[in-house]
Amino acid sequence: MAQVRELKDVKDWKMMLECSSGKPVMLLKHSTRCPVSAEAYDQFMKHAGKEAETDVEYALVLVVEHRPVSNSIAEDLGVRHESPQAILIRDGQAVWNDSHWRITAEMLKERIGALS
């Protein structure tokens, strides 16, 4: 099982963004107020628990509770905010992102596999 790091402030996010130069980062933006986001969260955690890649960092931001972090992610990556939203980051750039029902454990595994 991969460790999923919760990003609670902009400093946490900046460190994770910097980390993406050494390892890709799979990030989930999750709204604790949305049932669709709850399903995406379950799929993300299923992937992190069973299919996680050891050479990938996993991160989570709760968009309602940590809005400045969510806004900084959108701004730094140039990716319009959605929730739920999965973003794969490599070398400080978003190389893939998707949202809502398209966030599945299988899709996360496929997108990470496409990096090779």
C-alpha atoms as a PDB file:
ATOM      1  CA  MET A   1       0.000   0.000   0.000  1.00  0.00           C
ATOM      2  CA  ALA A   2       1.267   3.421  -0.946  1.00  0.00           C
ATOM      3  CA  GLN A   3       1.386   6.262   1.508  1.00  0.00           C
ATOM      4  CA  VAL A   4      -1.071   8.983   0.463  1.00  0.00           C
ATOM      5  CA  ARG A   5       0.098  12.373   1.641  1.00  0.00           C
ATOM      6  CA  GLU A   6      -2.568  14.915   2.472  1.00  0.00           C
ATOM      7  CA  LEU A   7      -1.600  18.405   1.347  1.00  0.00           C
ATOM      8  CA  LYS A   8      -2.870  20.837   3.987  1.00  0.00           C
ATOM      9  CA  ASP A   9      -1.053  24.015   3.056  1.00  0.00           C
ATOM     10  CA  VAL A  10       0.612  25.588   0.048  1.00  0.00           C
ATOM     11  CA  LYS A  11       4.059  24.686   1.415  1.00  0.00           C
ATOM     12  CA  ASP A  12       3.063  20.982   1.329  1.00  0.00           C
ATOM     13  CA  TRP A  13       1.948  21.412  -2.289  1.00  0.00           C
ATOM     14  CA  LYS A  14       5.141  23.198  -3.354  1.00  0.00           C
ATOM     15  CA  MET A  15       7.225  20.392  -1.827  1.00  0.00           C
ATOM     16  CA  MET A  16       5.158  17.767  -3.683  1.00  0.00           C
ATOM     17  CA  LEU A  17       5.469  19.715  -6.936  1.00  0.00           C
ATOM     18  CA  GLU A  18       9.239  19.816  -6.453  1.00  0.00           C
ATOM     19  CA  CYS A  19       9.214  16.083  -5.687  1.00  0.00           C
ATOM     20  CA  SER A  20       7.673  15.438  -9.127  1.00  0.00           C
ATOM     21  CA  SER A  21      11.071  16.037 -10.722  1.00  0.00           C
ATOM     22  CA  GLY A  22      12.302  12.807  -9.132  1.00  0.00           C
ATOM     23  CA  LYS A  23       9.092  10.744  -9.091  1.00  0.00           C
ATOM     24  CA  PRO A  24       5.753  11.258 -10.789  1.00  0.00           C
ATOM     25  CA  VAL A  25       2.949  12.374  -8.467  1.00  0.00           C
ATOM     26  CA  MET A  26      -0.644  11.163  -8.701  1.00  0.00           C
ATOM     27  CA  LEU A  27      -2.835  13.769  -7.021  1.00  0.00           C
ATOM     28  CA  LEU A  28      -6.522  13.669  -6.154  1.00  0.00           C
ATOM     29  CA  LYS A  29      -8.533  16.821  -5.493  1.00  0.00           C
ATOM     30  CA  HIS A  30     -11.430  15.629  -3.334  1.00  0.00           C
ATOM     31  CA  SER A  31     -14.565  17.366  -2.082  1.00  0.00           C
ATOM     32  CA  THR A  32     -15.833  15.924   1.178  1.00  0.00           C
ATOM     33  CA  ARG A  33     -19.287  17.319   0.336  1.00  0.00           C
ATOM     34  CA  CYS A  34     -19.852  15.490  -2.950  1.00  0.00           C
ATOM     35  CA  PRO A  35     -20.977  11.880  -3.484  1.00  0.00           C
ATOM     36  CA  VAL A  36     -19.298  11.706  -6.896  1.00  0.00           C
ATOM     37  CA  SER A  37     -16.058  12.795  -5.256  1.00  0.00           C
ATOM     38  CA  ALA A  38     -16.541  10.137  -2.571  1.00  0.00           C
ATOM     39  CA  GLU A  39     -16.607   7.479  -5.304  1.00  0.00           C
ATOM     40  CA  ALA A  40     -13.465   8.931  -6.931  1.00  0.00           C
ATOM     41  CA  TYR A  41     -11.778   8.950  -3.513  1.00  0.00           C
ATOM     42  CA  ASP A  42     -12.677   5.277  -3.026  1.00  0.00           C
ATOM     43  CA  GLN A  43     -11.232   4.429  -6.440  1.00  0.00           C
ATOM     44  CA  PHE A  44      -8.068   6.435  -5.731  1.00  0.00           C
ATOM     45  CA  MET A  45      -7.586   4.687  -2.387  1.00  0.00           C
ATOM     46  CA  LYS A  46      -8.319   1.296  -3.967  1.00  0.00           C
ATOM     47  CA  HIS A  47      -5.551   1.954  -6.479  1.00  0.00           C
ATOM     48  CA  ALA A  48      -3.159   3.248  -3.798  1.00  0.00           C
ATOM     49  CA  GLY A  49      -3.913   0.210  -1.656  1.00  0.00           C
ATOM     50  CA  LYS A  50      -3.613  -2.537  -4.241  1.00  0.00           C
ATOM     51  CA  GLU A  51      -2.105  -1.316  -7.488  1.00  0.00           C
ATOM     52  CA  ALA A  52       0.184   1.461  -6.320  1.00  0.00           C
ATOM     53  CA  GLU A  53       3.453   1.928  -8.094  1.00  0.00           C
ATOM     54  CA  THR A  54       6.446   2.206  -5.788  1.00  0.00           C
ATOM     55  CA  ASP A  55       8.057   4.815  -8.008  1.00  0.00           C
ATOM     56  CA  VAL A  56       5.063   7.180  -7.780  1.00  0.00           C
ATOM     57  CA  GLU A  57       4.094   9.575  -4.990  1.00  0.00           C
ATOM     58  CA  TYR A  58       0.402   9.779  -4.067  1.00  0.00           C
ATOM     59  CA  ALA A  59      -1.165  12.975  -2.740  1.00  0.00           C
ATOM     60  CA  LEU A  60      -4.598  14.181  -1.719  1.00  0.00           C
ATOM     61  CA  VAL A  61      -6.049  17.644  -1.197  1.00  0.00           C
ATOM     62  CA  LEU A  62      -9.426  18.244   0.418  1.00  0.00           C
ATOM     63  CA  VAL A  63     -10.675  21.145  -1.686  1.00  0.00           C
ATOM     64  CA  VAL A  64     -13.226  22.558   0.763  1.00  0.00           C
ATOM     65  CA  GLU A  65     -10.986  22.386   3.809  1.00  0.00           C
ATOM     66  CA  HIS A  66      -7.813  23.503   2.015  1.00  0.00           C
ATOM     67  CA  ARG A  67      -9.019  25.848  -0.737  1.00  0.00           C
ATOM     68  CA  PRO A  68      -5.719  27.824  -0.995  1.00  0.00           C
ATOM     69  CA  VAL A  69      -3.885  24.570  -1.796  1.00  0.00           C
ATOM     70  CA  SER A  70      -6.434  23.640  -4.450  1.00  0.00           C
ATOM     71  CA  ASN A  71      -6.196  27.110  -6.011  1.00  0.00           C
ATOM     72  CA  SER A  72      -2.392  26.990  -6.019  1.00  0.00           C
ATOM     73  CA  ILE A  73      -2.433  23.608  -7.775  1.00  0.00           C
ATOM     74  CA  ALA A  74      -4.717  24.943 -10.517  1.00  0.00           C
ATOM     75  CA  GLU A  75      -2.589  28.048 -10.946  1.00  0.00           C
ATOM     76  CA  ASP A  76       0.815  26.326 -10.871  1.00  0.00           C
ATOM     77  CA  LEU A  77      -0.193  23.569 -13.299  1.00  0.00           C
ATOM     78  CA  GLY A  78      -2.474  25.619 -15.548  1.00  0.00           C
ATOM     79  CA  VAL A  79      -5.208  23.012 -15.075  1.00  0.00           C
ATOM     80  CA  ARG A  80      -8.750  24.319 -14.546  1.00  0.00           C
ATOM     81  CA  HIS A  81     -10.082  23.222 -11.165  1.00  0.00           C
ATOM     82  CA  GLU A  82     -12.634  20.417 -11.034  1.00  0.00           C
ATOM     83  CA  SER A  83     -13.704  18.237  -8.177  1.00  0.00           C
ATOM     84  CA  PRO A  84     -13.133  15.416  -7.996  1.00  0.00           C
ATOM     85  CA  GLN A  85     -10.051  15.616 -10.165  1.00  0.00           C
ATOM     86  CA  ALA A  86      -7.043  13.349 -10.628  1.00  0.00           C
ATOM     87  CA  ILE A  87      -3.838  14.913 -11.927  1.00  0.00           C
ATOM     88  CA  LEU A  88      -0.652  13.087 -12.871  1.00  0.00           C
ATOM     89  CA  ILE A  89       2.372  15.350 -12.484  1.00  0.00           C
ATOM     90  CA  ARG A  90       5.851  14.783 -13.843  1.00  0.00           C
ATOM     91  CA  ASP A  91       8.736  17.247 -13.796  1.00  0.00           C
ATOM     92  CA  GLY A  92       6.474  20.007 -12.487  1.00  0.00           C
ATOM     93  CA  GLN A  93       3.942  19.620 -15.303  1.00  0.00           C
ATOM     94  CA  ALA A  94       0.497  18.057 -15.485  1.00  0.00           C
ATOM     95  CA  VAL A  95       0.841  15.214 -17.997  1.00  0.00           C
ATOM     96  CA  TRP A  96      -2.736  13.974 -17.548  1.00  0.00           C
ATOM     97  CA  ASN A  97      -5.864  14.959 -15.695  1.00  0.00           C
ATOM     98  CA  ASP A  98      -9.444  13.796 -15.587  1.00  0.00           C
ATOM     99  CA  SER A  99     -12.462  14.225 -13.394  1.00  0.00           C
ATOM    100  CA  HIS A 100     -15.666  12.828 -12.009  1.00  0.00           C
ATOM    101  CA  TRP A 101     -16.713   9.293 -13.002  1.00  0.00           C
ATOM    102  CA  ARG A 102     -13.632   8.821 -15.192  1.00  0.00           C
ATOM    103  CA  ILE A 103     -11.481   8.479 -12.066  1.00  0.00           C
ATOM    104  CA  THR A 104     -11.215   4.734 -11.582  1.00  0.00           C
ATOM    105  CA  ALA A 105      -8.523   2.495 -10.133  1.00  0.00           C
ATOM    106  CA  GLU A 106      -8.065   0.978 -13.591  1.00  0.00           C
ATOM    107  CA  MET A 107      -7.655   4.386 -15.265  1.00  0.00           C
ATOM    108  CA  LEU A 108      -5.094   5.511 -12.679  1.00  0.00           C
ATOM    109  CA  LYS A 109      -3.080   2.335 -13.250  1.00  0.00           C
ATOM    110  CA  GLU A 110      -3.301   2.809 -17.032  1.00  0.00           C
ATOM    111  CA  ARG A 111      -2.196   6.447 -16.945  1.00  0.00           C
ATOM    112  CA  ILE A 112       0.745   5.727 -14.645  1.00  0.00           C
ATOM    113  CA  GLY A 113       1.721   2.795 -16.870  1.00  0.00           C
ATOM    114  CA  ALA A 114       1.718   5.126 -19.897  1.00  0.00           C
ATOM    115  CA  LEU A 115       4.620   7.056 -18.360  1.00  0.00           C
ATOM    116  CA  SER A 116       7.032   4.191 -19.036  1.00  0.00           C
END
